[in-house]
Structures are given as structure tokens and as C-alpha cells.
Amino acid sequence: MKAIVIEEFGAPEGLALVDIPEPSPSRGEVVIAPAAIGVGGVDVMIRRGMLGAGAFPQGHIPGSEVAGTVASVGDGVDPSLKGRRVWAFTGTGGAYAERAIASVDDVTPLPDGLPPAAAVTLGGSGLVAHFGLAHARLVAQESVLVRGAAGSIGIAAVQFAARTGARAVAVTTSSPQRGRRLRALGATHVLDRAGDGGPDSPDGYDVIIDVVAGEHLPDFIDRLNPGGRYVAVGAVAGMPPATFGSKLTDAFQKSMSFATFSTAVIPHDARQAVRAEQFDAVRDGRLEAVVHEALPLGDAVLAHRKMDAGEVFGRIVLEP
């Protein structure tokens, strides 16, 4: 089969299309023939080597989610699953290929009428946004800032925050055009990447959802209201300075809090139920999954160039 592998960590040009043997499912696993493969921020971090030297081997296949058809099943898996349309989480890699393996526990059936590209745009990101806001204990009439709102997690978070009844949903993004698109999805205030907006922008926020992290994260902690909650759900710009916690202790009497969040802590049944609900909502037009562009699998280098350049609004999808 054809697959994309990382031959050299760093620039997008380190990705290569190669021929490798097709995988076989072990017990409890399924093999999926993808119709769509999500290109995510974690894929970029792995390709750049940002997650630690030696964390992933040369020849690693990137990608963590696919949508397609179950081609074969391993022992202990219901045979009737073969031929079903599904979304699947493949772990920290293995998705950029003509066949991908996933644990049957990480497979969610797709409802009729839901395009595969929409499934990989929302399948992982929608859960992060939903449960990330829950982790922040967002309630109606609070103010929210979504930092890095133009990606698939941020777009979902904007929609969910608006539906919760937040009195203000502010976003950071890189251009007025993106700001207009985010307003159409529920944002009430548009800020630049440094967090600067017009005179009507909120002075502070009860909740900040941060996909970006990086060296400027401490600047945004300063924007929390008393009792505010900051939840980092990603780190596409890298880890924050080791001293960022001093911002919290320096403002001790404001009782602010900082947390990281991963859906790995959410029970399996809850993840499956929420994902299925979100898939139905997209199919029925009650929720928007924004696909930036669909590219052939062999154009993975181009996809990653676009990610590095900050050109993507929503999610890029690869199609074998």
C-alpha cells in the first residue's frame, strides 16, 4: 500500500510517499480503508520533532484519525463490522496511508449522509472542544476567549461556547477575513494574535481555551478575570516558559487557575456518546465542520506547508 512516512524530522519536505506492506489486524483491532484522513496540529508537532528527540522513529506514519470503511477485523471483533462506514482514532500515528489500523474501542460508526471529510474534521476536535469547555466549567453569561480559533478545535469551541450562552465569545486569529468567518460561527469579538482588539473588547475573561500555548501563553493569563479558568488543550506553538505559573502566584488573591486537558481522561462511553451526537448534528446542519481543503494523499508535503504557513481555516483532509 501507499503511505506517508517521516524520513527526516523538521521541514515538510521530510515527508515521503512510500510503498509498505498492508497491515493485518490483531485481536480487538480493525483495518480501515480511509476515504478521508485528518491533518492535525499534533501531526505537525511530531513531524517537526517538537515532542522530544527519539519520541517517534524515522519511518513513522503520521496521522491520528481516519474515516472510511472497515476492510477486515481481528479476532474478538464482531464480523458484522466489516464493510461499515466508521470514524477511527489510530493513536499517535498510522493514519496517512491507504490502510490504517485502530482498536475497535476507538471506532465510531458514521451516520448515513455524513461525509468522511466532515467526520475527520470533527471526530477528535469536537470532543476536545466540548469536554475542554466542560473542564473549564463554562456556564451561561460568562465570557470566553478562544486562542487559536481558526483550527478545527477552535472553530468547534466557538460554536459550543456560543450555544452555552456565553455573553462574549472572543477569538484570536490572523486576519479580518478569518474574523468574519468566526463571527458567522458565533464569535462576538475578534482579536489579533497578540490578543488586541477594538475598544469594545472585554477587559478580561472568565474562561480561556488555548490551542496555541507557546512563549506568549503567560501574556494571556493576565487576561483572566478573578476566579478565571485557563485550559490549554493544545500546544501548536510549543510549550510555554517554565516560569509561566508565577503569573498565577503573583495574582494569588484573584484565585485564577490553569489546567491542561486531554480527552484521554474521558471515559470511553462518554466519548462515544458525545461524538455520535456531534456527527448527527453535523449531518443535520446543526453544527458546522469546516473543511479547508481536500488533497490527495501524495500531497501531504503541501498540506504540511499550508499548516506551517498558517493558511488553514478548519482542517485539511487527505484522500487516498
Protein backbone atom coordinates (compact mmCIF):
# COMPACT_ATOMS: atom_id res chain seq x y z
CA MET A 1 0.00 0.00 0.00
CA LYS A 2 0.97 3.66 -0.27
CA ALA A 3 1.76 5.52 2.92
CA ILE A 4 3.34 8.78 4.00
CA VAL A 5 6.31 8.40 6.34
CA ILE A 6 8.63 10.82 8.09
CA GLU A 7 12.03 10.21 6.54
CA GLU A 8 13.53 13.28 8.20
CA PHE A 9 12.12 15.27 11.09
CA GLY A 10 11.81 19.02 10.62
CA ALA A 11 10.51 20.62 7.43
CA PRO A 12 7.50 19.28 5.46
CA GLU A 13 9.91 18.03 2.79
CA GLY A 14 10.94 15.31 5.24
CA LEU A 15 7.65 13.54 4.46
CA ALA A 16 7.76 10.91 1.70
CA LEU A 17 5.26 8.70 -0.12
CA VAL A 18 6.44 5.09 0.04
CA ASP A 19 5.25 1.54 -0.57
CA ILE A 20 4.94 -0.62 2.56
CA PRO A 21 3.10 -3.88 3.37
CA GLU A 22 -0.57 -3.66 4.26
CA PRO A 23 -1.27 -4.10 7.99
CA SER A 24 -3.11 -7.07 9.48
CA PRO A 25 -5.41 -6.66 12.49
CA SER A 26 -4.51 -8.21 15.81
CA ARG A 27 -7.09 -9.26 18.35
CA GLY A 28 -9.52 -6.42 19.06
CA GLU A 29 -8.42 -4.40 16.03
CA VAL A 30 -9.86 -3.43 12.67
CA VAL A 31 -8.24 -2.40 9.39
CA ILE A 32 -9.87 0.60 7.73
CA ALA A 33 -9.72 1.72 4.12
CA PRO A 34 -9.76 5.51 4.62
CA ALA A 35 -11.82 7.82 2.45
CA ALA A 36 -10.55 10.81 4.44
CA ILE A 37 -7.58 11.39 6.74
CA GLY A 38 -7.39 14.34 9.10
CA VAL A 39 -4.26 16.51 9.14
CA GLY A 40 -3.92 17.83 12.67
CA GLY A 41 -1.69 20.09 14.73
CA VAL A 42 -0.24 17.11 16.59
CA ASP A 43 0.89 15.67 13.24
CA VAL A 44 2.80 18.89 12.61
CA MET A 45 4.39 18.82 16.06
CA ILE A 46 5.51 15.21 15.56
CA ARG A 47 6.91 15.97 12.10
CA ARG A 48 8.82 18.95 13.43
CA GLY A 49 10.29 16.83 16.24
CA MET A 50 8.70 19.04 18.90
CA LEU A 51 7.62 16.17 21.16
CA GLY A 52 11.11 15.13 22.19
CA ALA A 53 14.14 13.62 20.50
CA GLY A 54 13.57 9.98 19.72
CA ALA A 55 9.90 10.08 20.70
CA PHE A 56 9.00 8.75 17.24
CA PRO A 57 11.18 6.63 14.95
CA GLN A 58 12.30 7.53 11.46
CA GLY A 59 9.75 5.99 9.11
CA HIS A 60 6.86 6.90 11.42
CA ILE A 61 3.48 7.20 9.66
CA PRO A 62 1.75 10.39 10.91
CA GLY A 63 -1.94 10.92 11.48
CA SER A 64 -4.38 10.02 14.22
CA GLU A 65 -7.84 9.87 12.65
CA VAL A 66 -9.50 8.45 9.58
CA ALA A 67 -12.98 7.96 8.20
CA GLY A 68 -13.70 5.15 5.79
CA THR A 69 -14.82 1.56 5.51
CA VAL A 70 -13.81 -1.37 7.69
CA ALA A 71 -11.83 -3.68 5.40
CA SER A 72 -11.08 -6.50 7.86
CA VAL A 73 -11.42 -7.33 11.53
CA GLY A 74 -9.26 -9.17 14.03
CA ASP A 75 -10.22 -11.91 16.48
CA GLY A 76 -12.75 -10.85 19.06
CA VAL A 77 -14.34 -8.22 16.81
CA ASP A 78 -17.92 -8.53 15.59
CA PRO A 79 -17.62 -9.68 11.94
CA SER A 80 -20.66 -7.60 11.01
CA LEU A 81 -18.49 -4.51 11.41
CA LYS A 82 -16.74 -5.37 8.14
CA GLY A 83 -18.00 -3.07 5.38
CA ARG A 84 -19.33 -0.45 7.82
CA ARG A 85 -18.53 3.25 7.42
CA VAL A 86 -16.69 4.43 10.51
CA TRP A 87 -14.54 7.12 12.06
CA ALA A 88 -11.50 5.86 13.94
CA PHE A 89 -8.71 7.11 16.16
CA THR A 90 -5.42 5.46 15.21
CA GLY A 91 -3.37 6.68 18.16
CA THR A 92 -0.25 8.78 17.63
CA GLY A 93 0.20 7.65 14.05
CA GLY A 94 -0.69 5.33 11.22
CA ALA A 95 -3.43 7.33 9.50
CA TYR A 96 -1.60 8.71 6.45
CA ALA A 97 -1.97 5.51 4.45
CA GLU A 98 -4.25 3.50 2.18
CA ARG A 99 -4.98 1.19 5.12
CA ALA A 100 -4.98 2.07 8.81
CA ILE A 101 -5.32 0.03 12.00
CA ALA A 102 -7.39 1.02 15.02
CA SER A 103 -8.63 -0.62 18.18
CA VAL A 104 -12.30 -1.48 17.86
CA ASP A 105 -12.85 0.57 21.04
CA ASP A 106 -11.69 3.66 19.12
CA VAL A 107 -14.16 3.22 16.27
CA THR A 108 -17.43 5.15 15.92
CA PRO A 109 -19.99 4.26 13.21
CA LEU A 110 -20.82 7.10 10.82
CA PRO A 111 -24.44 8.09 10.27
CA ASP A 112 -25.77 7.96 6.73
CA GLY A 113 -25.26 11.26 4.94
CA LEU A 114 -22.18 12.39 6.88
CA PRO A 115 -19.22 12.98 4.52
CA PRO A 116 -15.94 11.35 5.62
CA ALA A 117 -14.13 14.71 5.41
CA ALA A 118 -16.56 16.21 7.92
CA ALA A 119 -16.06 13.22 10.21
CA VAL A 120 -12.27 13.67 10.44
CA THR A 121 -12.70 17.42 10.86
CA LEU A 122 -14.85 17.00 13.96
CA GLY A 123 -14.22 13.47 15.26
CA GLY A 124 -11.30 14.36 17.52
CA SER A 125 -11.53 18.14 17.62
CA GLY A 126 -15.18 18.28 18.57
CA LEU A 127 -14.54 16.18 21.66
CA VAL A 128 -11.60 18.34 22.75
CA ALA A 129 -13.71 21.48 22.40
CA HIS A 130 -16.77 20.01 24.16
CA PHE A 131 -15.00 18.44 27.10
CA GLY A 132 -12.40 21.23 27.29
CA LEU A 133 -15.16 23.77 27.91
CA ALA A 134 -16.72 21.41 30.43
CA HIS A 135 -13.33 21.10 32.16
CA ALA A 136 -13.30 24.89 32.39
CA ARG A 137 -16.78 24.77 33.95
CA LEU A 138 -18.17 27.32 31.50
CA VAL A 139 -21.70 28.49 32.30
CA ALA A 140 -24.11 30.89 30.62
CA GLN A 141 -23.33 34.62 30.79
CA GLU A 142 -19.61 34.12 31.28
CA SER A 143 -17.01 35.49 28.86
CA VAL A 144 -14.78 33.19 26.82
CA LEU A 145 -11.60 33.69 24.81
CA VAL A 146 -10.62 31.03 22.28
CA ARG A 147 -6.93 31.42 21.47
CA GLY A 148 -6.11 29.96 18.06
CA ALA A 149 -9.70 29.85 16.90
CA ALA A 150 -9.15 29.18 13.18
CA GLY A 151 -8.32 25.49 13.57
CA SER A 152 -10.84 22.69 13.90
CA ILE A 153 -10.70 22.67 17.73
CA GLY A 154 -11.11 26.42 17.94
CA ILE A 155 -13.97 26.52 15.45
CA ALA A 156 -15.84 23.86 17.44
CA ALA A 157 -15.13 25.66 20.73
CA VAL A 158 -16.55 28.92 19.34
CA GLN A 159 -19.78 27.19 18.34
CA PHE A 160 -20.15 25.34 21.65
CA ALA A 161 -19.38 28.43 23.76
CA ALA A 162 -21.98 30.44 21.87
CA ARG A 163 -24.57 27.69 22.37
CA THR A 164 -23.80 27.58 26.10
CA GLY A 165 -24.99 31.17 26.28
CA ALA A 166 -21.69 32.93 26.88
CA ARG A 167 -22.19 36.70 26.96
CA ALA A 168 -18.98 37.20 24.99
CA VAL A 169 -17.05 34.79 22.76
CA ALA A 170 -13.77 36.41 21.77
CA VAL A 171 -11.29 34.82 19.38
CA THR A 172 -7.69 35.40 18.37
CA THR A 173 -6.95 34.96 14.69
CA SER A 174 -4.64 36.28 12.00
CA SER A 175 -6.86 38.26 9.61
CA PRO A 176 -10.13 40.21 9.32
CA GLN A 177 -11.37 37.64 6.79
CA ARG A 178 -10.98 34.84 9.31
CA GLY A 179 -12.58 37.04 11.91
CA ARG A 180 -15.66 37.47 9.76
CA ARG A 181 -15.94 33.72 9.30
CA LEU A 182 -15.61 33.16 13.04
CA ARG A 183 -18.29 35.76 13.75
CA ALA A 184 -20.61 33.82 11.47
CA LEU A 185 -19.95 30.76 13.67
CA GLY A 186 -20.72 32.57 16.94
CA ALA A 187 -17.78 34.81 17.86
CA THR A 188 -18.72 38.24 19.24
CA HIS A 189 -15.25 39.84 19.36
CA VAL A 190 -12.24 39.36 17.07
CA LEU A 191 -8.70 39.96 18.37
CA ASP A 192 -5.34 39.70 16.68
CA ARG A 193 -2.85 37.00 17.64
CA ALA A 194 -1.47 39.15 20.45
CA GLY A 195 -4.96 39.42 21.93
CA ASP A 196 -5.53 43.04 20.94
CA GLY A 197 -8.96 44.09 19.68
CA GLY A 198 -11.13 47.16 19.47
CA PRO A 199 -12.24 49.35 22.38
CA ASP A 200 -15.36 47.23 22.84
CA SER A 201 -13.35 44.06 23.58
CA PRO A 202 -13.78 42.58 27.07
CA ASP A 203 -11.22 43.68 29.67
CA GLY A 204 -10.95 40.12 30.93
CA TYR A 205 -12.32 36.61 30.52
CA ASP A 206 -13.86 34.03 32.80
CA VAL A 207 -12.60 31.18 30.60
CA ILE A 208 -9.71 30.94 28.15
CA ILE A 209 -9.41 27.92 25.86
CA ASP A 210 -5.92 27.82 24.39
CA VAL A 211 -4.90 25.68 21.41
CA VAL A 212 -1.63 27.57 20.89
CA ALA A 213 0.39 27.72 24.16
CA GLY A 214 4.00 28.74 23.32
CA GLU A 215 6.05 31.61 24.68
CA HIS A 216 3.17 34.09 24.81
CA LEU A 217 0.86 31.98 26.99
CA PRO A 218 1.76 33.99 30.15
CA ASP A 219 0.51 37.19 28.48
CA PHE A 220 -2.94 35.65 28.22
CA ILE A 221 -3.03 34.51 31.85
CA ASP A 222 -3.01 38.25 32.65
CA ARG A 223 -6.37 38.47 30.85
CA LEU A 224 -8.22 36.19 33.26
CA ASN A 225 -10.91 37.69 35.47
CA PRO A 226 -10.90 36.93 39.20
CA GLY A 227 -11.86 33.29 39.52
CA GLY A 228 -11.00 32.75 35.86
CA ARG A 229 -10.07 29.36 34.43
CA TYR A 230 -7.41 28.84 31.76
CA VAL A 231 -7.44 25.48 29.93
CA ALA A 232 -4.69 24.56 27.48
CA VAL A 233 -6.00 21.99 25.01
CA GLY A 234 -3.05 22.13 22.61
CA ALA A 235 0.47 23.46 22.14
CA VAL A 236 0.89 24.03 18.42
CA ALA A 237 3.35 26.86 19.11
CA GLY A 238 5.34 24.76 21.57
CA MET A 239 5.47 24.59 25.35
CA PRO A 240 5.10 27.74 27.47
CA PRO A 241 8.01 29.11 29.53
CA ALA A 242 8.74 27.04 32.60
CA THR A 243 8.04 30.07 34.79
CA PHE A 244 4.53 30.77 33.48
CA GLY A 245 2.99 29.63 36.77
CA SER A 246 4.43 32.69 38.50
CA LYS A 247 1.66 34.69 36.81
CA LEU A 248 -0.86 32.76 38.90
CA THR A 249 1.02 33.05 42.18
CA ASP A 250 1.76 36.73 41.64
CA ALA A 251 -2.01 37.29 41.38
CA PHE A 252 -2.81 34.95 44.28
CA GLN A 253 -5.84 36.88 45.51
CA LYS A 254 -7.55 36.63 42.11
CA SER A 255 -7.97 32.85 42.63
CA MET A 256 -7.24 32.07 38.99
CA SER A 257 -6.50 28.53 37.81
CA PHE A 258 -4.62 26.84 34.98
CA ALA A 259 -5.18 23.33 33.63
CA THR A 260 -4.22 21.16 30.72
CA PHE A 261 -6.82 18.94 29.12
CA SER A 262 -6.79 15.73 27.07
CA THR A 263 -9.77 13.59 26.16
CA ALA A 264 -7.72 10.59 27.34
CA VAL A 265 -9.23 11.22 30.80
CA ILE A 266 -12.81 10.97 29.50
CA PRO A 267 -14.46 7.54 29.88
CA HIS A 268 -14.88 5.57 26.65
CA ASP A 269 -18.68 5.51 26.71
CA ALA A 270 -18.88 9.27 27.23
CA ARG A 271 -16.51 9.92 24.32
CA GLN A 272 -18.50 7.66 22.04
CA ALA A 273 -21.85 9.17 23.01
CA VAL A 274 -20.76 12.78 22.50
CA ARG A 275 -19.00 12.01 19.22
CA ALA A 276 -22.10 10.26 17.87
CA GLU A 277 -24.25 13.25 18.90
CA GLN A 278 -21.86 15.64 17.16
CA PHE A 279 -21.81 13.56 13.98
CA ASP A 280 -25.62 13.66 13.90
CA ALA A 281 -25.56 17.43 14.47
CA VAL A 282 -23.21 18.00 11.52
CA ARG A 283 -25.26 15.76 9.25
CA ASP A 284 -28.44 17.61 10.23
CA GLY A 285 -26.90 21.05 9.76
CA ARG A 286 -26.98 21.99 13.45
CA LEU A 287 -23.18 22.11 13.74
CA GLU A 288 -20.57 23.11 11.16
CA ALA A 289 -17.43 21.09 10.41
CA VAL A 290 -15.20 23.38 8.34
CA VAL A 291 -13.06 21.57 5.76
CA HIS A 292 -10.36 23.90 4.46
CA GLU A 293 -9.31 21.69 1.56
CA ALA A 294 -9.13 18.05 0.47
CA LEU A 295 -5.82 16.95 -1.09
CA PRO A 296 -4.57 13.62 -2.44
CA LEU A 297 -2.55 11.51 -0.01
CA GLY A 298 0.57 12.15 -2.08
CA ASP A 299 0.24 15.89 -1.39
CA ALA A 300 0.97 15.52 2.34
CA VAL A 301 4.03 17.77 1.96
CA LEU A 302 1.82 20.51 0.51
CA ALA A 303 -0.70 20.03 3.32
CA HIS A 304 2.02 20.48 5.94
CA ARG A 305 3.42 23.52 4.15
CA LYS A 306 -0.01 25.10 4.39
CA MET A 307 -0.18 24.22 8.08
CA ASP A 308 3.26 25.75 8.72
CA ALA A 309 2.29 28.91 6.83
CA GLY A 310 -0.85 29.37 8.93
CA GLU A 311 -3.06 29.25 5.86
CA VAL A 312 -5.57 26.70 7.13
CA PHE A 313 -9.05 27.63 8.35
CA GLY A 314 -10.67 24.49 9.67
CA ARG A 315 -9.00 21.23 8.68
CA ILE A 316 -7.04 19.95 5.72
CA VAL A 317 -8.04 16.44 4.70
CA LEU A 318 -6.01 13.89 2.76
CA GLU A 319 -7.80 11.45 0.46
CA PRO A 320 -6.06 8.21 -0.65
